[in-house]
Amino acid sequence: MKSKYVVSGILLFLLFMTMGCDNVVVPSEKNLRVIQDLDYEQIYDFKTPYIGDSVKASGLARSLHYADLLHDGIELQTSQEPYALIANYVVEQPENYATLTDKMLENAAIIFALIDNADSVVLKFSDRTNSVVHTFERDYVEQLVGMKLSFFGESYDAFSNGLIPVLDVQIWEEEEQTVILTKIQELYLWQSQDGDNAGQILATLLPGTNREKTAQEIYNYEIALRDFEAVNEILLQNDFARRLYIRQDLDISKEEVLDISRELEFKGHLVTIGGMR
């Protein structure tokens, strides 16, 4: 599959000239902080239902990866659909940004999650003569992530405990500049050791990868789901996953796992594969 991402020089100029829309141009700030680790709480503060909210859209872009390069600000295409956020990064060698990266995909996923009516995200890396452009459509990124991104914007808990763990542990595979995410979900069942809740069965839902999950990922009280209605709520939002693997601690019986599996509302193929440790 040929890449649809790279546009340079005069082609980019013609593209923008023929858009036929009134772009909202947000001036860049003089002093930009370099982001090492993203501040997700700050990022969520910029959630907005409308891409035309230039203050929040600009604040969001300046809180994501490559914020230190955002010298030419952002543009917002709001006069007609598809509604788009265009981030203008200034770099010395645009060709160094021709390869799609995890950070670019994470930026797009977060923008779609927090700007309800954003249809496209355009990341433009330019030396103001030549440019490399990566364009992301909402449907495409949702297929990669495996869920409707608007679900993660409904609350800070859904954003921080749902989307961020997915972005942190996923493995993006590049093939001819097309990025593919596995369509497998993994549900880990384990017993709480936490005080009054000791013995309660908790569930950790993680995206499928080609490696064993670590104990830190599985036995994580911060993202663990404590009832299976919450598991179903997430599964029902997932239009793309095709297979669900269930693994459980050895002290959880097979009968209990079968009972839980009957409660799950999963659109793909449900598979149980027994104990995990």
Foldseek 3Di string as FASTA:
>chain_A
DADPFWDKFPRVVVVVVPPPFDKDFDADDPDADADDDADLVQLLVLFDQALPPQVSVQSNCSRAHLVVQQNRTWIWGDGDPPTEIEGEGEDDDQVVPQADDLRVLVSFLSSCQRHPRHAKYKYWYYNVGMITIGMDGQVLSCLQLQFRSPQCSPDSLSVVLPVVQQSVPWDWDADNSRTHTALEKEKEWEADPDPPRGRQIWIQIYGDDPDDDDPCRGVPPSNIHRDCVVVQVRQVRGPNRAEYEYEYAPVQDPVNVVVSVVVHDHPHYYYYDYYDD
